Amino acid sequence: MRPHTGPSSLRWRDEPSGQRPYDLAFALQVTGFELAAEPPAPDTPLARILAYASEHGYESLTDEHFELAKAGLL
């Protein structure tokens, strides 16, 4: 007798990317995010963070930078 592994234990691995139930878009959606196809609007905190990071390097970002970006001070 073989142990029961469930109805779809490995089936999702054989499906093409984008059709899996646990792909990136789905994971982002259930966590409250979405994958954008366009850059953020220039007056948003994310645009400010990206501009700062492209000028100073991503490794220079700290939590304070994110707070400043949200407050419109970055």
N, C-alpha and C. Protein backbone atom coordinates (compact mmCIF):
# COMPACT_ATOMS: atom_id res chain seq x y z
N MET A 1 0.84 -1.18 0.00
CA MET A 1 0.00 0.00 0.00
C MET A 1 0.89 1.24 0.00
N ARG A 2 0.61 2.19 -0.91
CA ARG A 2 1.38 3.43 -1.00
C ARG A 2 0.78 4.49 -0.08
N PRO A 3 1.62 5.34 0.51
CA PRO A 3 1.07 6.42 1.35
C PRO A 3 0.34 7.44 0.48
N HIS A 4 -0.70 8.00 1.04
CA HIS A 4 -1.48 9.01 0.34
C HIS A 4 -0.71 10.32 0.33
N THR A 5 -0.51 10.89 -0.85
CA THR A 5 0.23 12.16 -0.95
C THR A 5 -0.66 13.31 -1.34
N GLY A 6 -1.93 13.11 -1.40
CA GLY A 6 -2.86 14.19 -1.74
C GLY A 6 -3.17 14.21 -3.22
N PRO A 7 -4.26 14.84 -3.59
CA PRO A 7 -4.71 14.82 -4.98
C PRO A 7 -3.82 15.61 -5.93
N SER A 8 -3.11 16.60 -5.43
CA SER A 8 -2.29 17.41 -6.34
C SER A 8 -0.92 17.67 -5.74
N SER A 9 -0.34 16.67 -5.11
CA SER A 9 0.89 16.90 -4.36
C SER A 9 2.03 17.43 -5.22
N LEU A 10 2.18 16.96 -6.45
CA LEU A 10 3.26 17.43 -7.31
C LEU A 10 2.77 17.99 -8.63
N ARG A 11 1.49 17.95 -8.87
CA ARG A 11 0.96 18.36 -10.16
C ARG A 11 1.27 19.81 -10.50
N TRP A 12 1.26 20.70 -9.53
CA TRP A 12 1.48 22.12 -9.82
C TRP A 12 2.86 22.38 -10.38
N ARG A 13 3.84 21.55 -10.08
CA ARG A 13 5.20 21.75 -10.59
C ARG A 13 5.29 21.50 -12.08
N ASP A 14 4.35 20.73 -12.62
CA ASP A 14 4.37 20.43 -14.05
C ASP A 14 3.64 21.47 -14.89
N GLU A 15 2.89 22.34 -14.26
CA GLU A 15 2.13 23.34 -15.00
C GLU A 15 3.04 24.51 -15.38
N PRO A 16 2.77 25.15 -16.51
CA PRO A 16 3.59 26.30 -16.93
C PRO A 16 3.53 27.42 -15.90
N SER A 17 4.62 28.18 -15.81
CA SER A 17 4.67 29.32 -14.91
C SER A 17 3.53 30.28 -15.24
N GLY A 18 2.94 30.89 -14.24
CA GLY A 18 1.82 31.79 -14.45
C GLY A 18 0.49 31.08 -14.30
N GLN A 19 0.50 29.76 -14.36
CA GLN A 19 -0.73 29.00 -14.15
C GLN A 19 -0.68 28.24 -12.83
N ARG A 20 0.42 28.37 -12.12
CA ARG A 20 0.52 27.72 -10.82
C ARG A 20 -0.30 28.50 -9.80
N PRO A 21 -0.88 27.82 -8.85
CA PRO A 21 -1.66 28.55 -7.84
C PRO A 21 -0.79 29.40 -6.92
N TYR A 22 0.50 29.14 -6.86
CA TYR A 22 1.37 29.86 -5.94
C TYR A 22 2.45 30.65 -6.67
N ASP A 23 2.13 31.26 -7.79
CA ASP A 23 3.13 32.05 -8.50
C ASP A 23 3.30 33.42 -7.84
N LEU A 24 4.24 34.21 -8.33
CA LEU A 24 4.57 35.49 -7.71
C LEU A 24 3.39 36.45 -7.65
N ALA A 25 2.64 36.57 -8.74
CA ALA A 25 1.50 37.50 -8.74
C ALA A 25 0.48 37.12 -7.67
N PHE A 26 0.24 35.83 -7.52
CA PHE A 26 -0.71 35.36 -6.50
C PHE A 26 -0.17 35.64 -5.10
N ALA A 27 1.10 35.37 -4.88
CA ALA A 27 1.70 35.61 -3.57
C ALA A 27 1.64 37.09 -3.22
N LEU A 28 1.91 37.95 -4.18
CA LEU A 28 1.83 39.39 -3.92
C LEU A 28 0.40 39.81 -3.63
N GLN A 29 -0.54 39.26 -4.37
CA GLN A 29 -1.95 39.63 -4.19
C GLN A 29 -2.44 39.27 -2.79
N VAL A 30 -2.12 38.09 -2.31
CA VAL A 30 -2.62 37.68 -0.99
C VAL A 30 -1.93 38.43 0.13
N THR A 31 -0.78 39.04 -0.14
CA THR A 31 -0.11 39.83 0.89
C THR A 31 -0.41 41.32 0.77
N GLY A 32 -1.28 41.68 -0.18
CA GLY A 32 -1.71 43.07 -0.29
C GLY A 32 -0.90 43.90 -1.26
N PHE A 33 -0.11 43.27 -2.11
CA PHE A 33 0.69 43.99 -3.09
C PHE A 33 0.28 43.58 -4.49
N GLU A 34 0.77 44.29 -5.47
CA GLU A 34 0.54 43.90 -6.86
C GLU A 34 1.79 44.17 -7.66
N LEU A 35 1.98 43.40 -8.70
CA LEU A 35 3.13 43.54 -9.58
C LEU A 35 2.79 44.59 -10.63
N ALA A 36 3.53 45.69 -10.64
CA ALA A 36 3.23 46.79 -11.55
C ALA A 36 3.95 46.61 -12.88
N ALA A 37 3.30 47.01 -13.94
CA ALA A 37 3.90 46.94 -15.27
C ALA A 37 4.52 48.28 -15.67
N GLU A 38 4.20 49.32 -14.94
CA GLU A 38 4.71 50.66 -15.24
C GLU A 38 5.43 51.22 -14.01
N PRO A 39 6.36 52.17 -14.21
CA PRO A 39 7.02 52.78 -13.07
C PRO A 39 6.03 53.59 -12.24
N PRO A 40 6.35 53.82 -10.97
CA PRO A 40 5.43 54.59 -10.12
C PRO A 40 5.36 56.05 -10.57
N ALA A 41 4.26 56.69 -10.26
CA ALA A 41 4.09 58.12 -10.55
C ALA A 41 5.20 58.89 -9.83
N PRO A 42 5.69 59.97 -10.42
CA PRO A 42 6.84 60.70 -9.86
C PRO A 42 6.61 61.28 -8.46
N ASP A 43 5.39 61.53 -8.09
CA ASP A 43 5.13 62.17 -6.79
C ASP A 43 4.80 61.17 -5.69
N THR A 44 5.15 59.91 -5.86
CA THR A 44 4.84 58.89 -4.85
C THR A 44 6.08 58.58 -4.01
N PRO A 45 5.88 58.06 -2.80
CA PRO A 45 7.03 57.68 -1.97
C PRO A 45 7.94 56.65 -2.66
N LEU A 46 7.36 55.71 -3.37
CA LEU A 46 8.17 54.71 -4.05
C LEU A 46 9.07 55.35 -5.11
N ALA A 47 8.54 56.29 -5.85
CA ALA A 47 9.35 56.99 -6.86
C ALA A 47 10.49 57.75 -6.20
N ARG A 48 10.23 58.35 -5.04
CA ARG A 48 11.28 59.07 -4.33
C ARG A 48 12.38 58.12 -3.86
N ILE A 49 11.97 56.96 -3.35
CA ILE A 49 12.94 55.94 -2.90
C ILE A 49 13.77 55.45 -4.07
N LEU A 50 13.13 55.16 -5.19
CA LEU A 50 13.86 54.66 -6.35
C LEU A 50 14.83 55.71 -6.89
N ALA A 51 14.43 56.97 -6.90
CA ALA A 51 15.31 58.04 -7.36
C ALA A 51 16.52 58.18 -6.44
N TYR A 52 16.26 58.14 -5.14
CA TYR A 52 17.36 58.25 -4.17
C TYR A 52 18.31 57.06 -4.32
N ALA A 53 17.76 55.88 -4.43
CA ALA A 53 18.58 54.68 -4.53
C ALA A 53 19.40 54.65 -5.82
N SER A 54 18.85 55.14 -6.92
CA SER A 54 19.61 55.15 -8.16
C SER A 54 20.77 56.14 -8.09
N GLU A 55 20.62 57.17 -7.27
CA GLU A 55 21.68 58.18 -7.13
C GLU A 55 22.71 57.78 -6.08
N HIS A 56 22.28 57.18 -4.97
CA HIS A 56 23.17 56.89 -3.84
C HIS A 56 23.44 55.41 -3.64
N GLY A 57 22.73 54.54 -4.34
CA GLY A 57 22.90 53.10 -4.17
C GLY A 57 21.85 52.51 -3.24
N TYR A 58 21.36 51.35 -3.59
CA TYR A 58 20.31 50.71 -2.79
C TYR A 58 20.80 50.33 -1.40
N GLU A 59 22.09 50.03 -1.29
CA GLU A 59 22.63 49.63 0.01
C GLU A 59 22.64 50.77 1.02
N SER A 60 22.49 52.02 0.55
CA SER A 60 22.49 53.16 1.46
C SER A 60 21.12 53.43 2.08
N LEU A 61 20.08 52.76 1.61
CA LEU A 61 18.73 53.00 2.13
C LEU A 61 18.59 52.46 3.55
N THR A 62 17.94 53.25 4.38
CA THR A 62 17.63 52.84 5.75
C THR A 62 16.13 53.02 5.99
N ASP A 63 15.67 52.60 7.12
CA ASP A 63 14.26 52.80 7.48
C ASP A 63 13.91 54.29 7.50
N GLU A 64 14.85 55.11 7.90
CA GLU A 64 14.61 56.55 7.95
C GLU A 64 14.30 57.12 6.57
N HIS A 65 14.97 56.60 5.54
CA HIS A 65 14.70 57.05 4.18
C HIS A 65 13.25 56.77 3.78
N PHE A 66 12.75 55.62 4.17
CA PHE A 66 11.37 55.26 3.83
C PHE A 66 10.39 56.18 4.57
N GLU A 67 10.69 56.49 5.82
CA GLU A 67 9.83 57.42 6.56
C GLU A 67 9.85 58.81 5.94
N LEU A 68 11.04 59.26 5.52
CA LEU A 68 11.16 60.57 4.88
C LEU A 68 10.41 60.59 3.54
N ALA A 69 10.49 59.50 2.80
CA ALA A 69 9.79 59.42 1.52
C ALA A 69 8.28 59.48 1.72
N LYS A 70 7.78 58.79 2.75
CA LYS A 70 6.34 58.82 3.03
C LYS A 70 5.88 60.21 3.45
N ALA A 71 6.77 60.94 4.15
CA ALA A 71 6.43 62.29 4.59
C ALA A 71 6.65 63.33 3.49
N GLY A 72 7.20 62.91 2.35
CA GLY A 72 7.45 63.83 1.25
C GLY A 72 8.71 64.66 1.43
N LEU A 73 9.62 64.23 2.31
CA LEU A 73 10.82 65.00 2.60
C LEU A 73 12.08 64.45 1.96
N LEU A 74 11.98 63.41 1.20
CA LEU A 74 13.15 62.82 0.56
C LEU A 74 13.29 63.31 -0.85
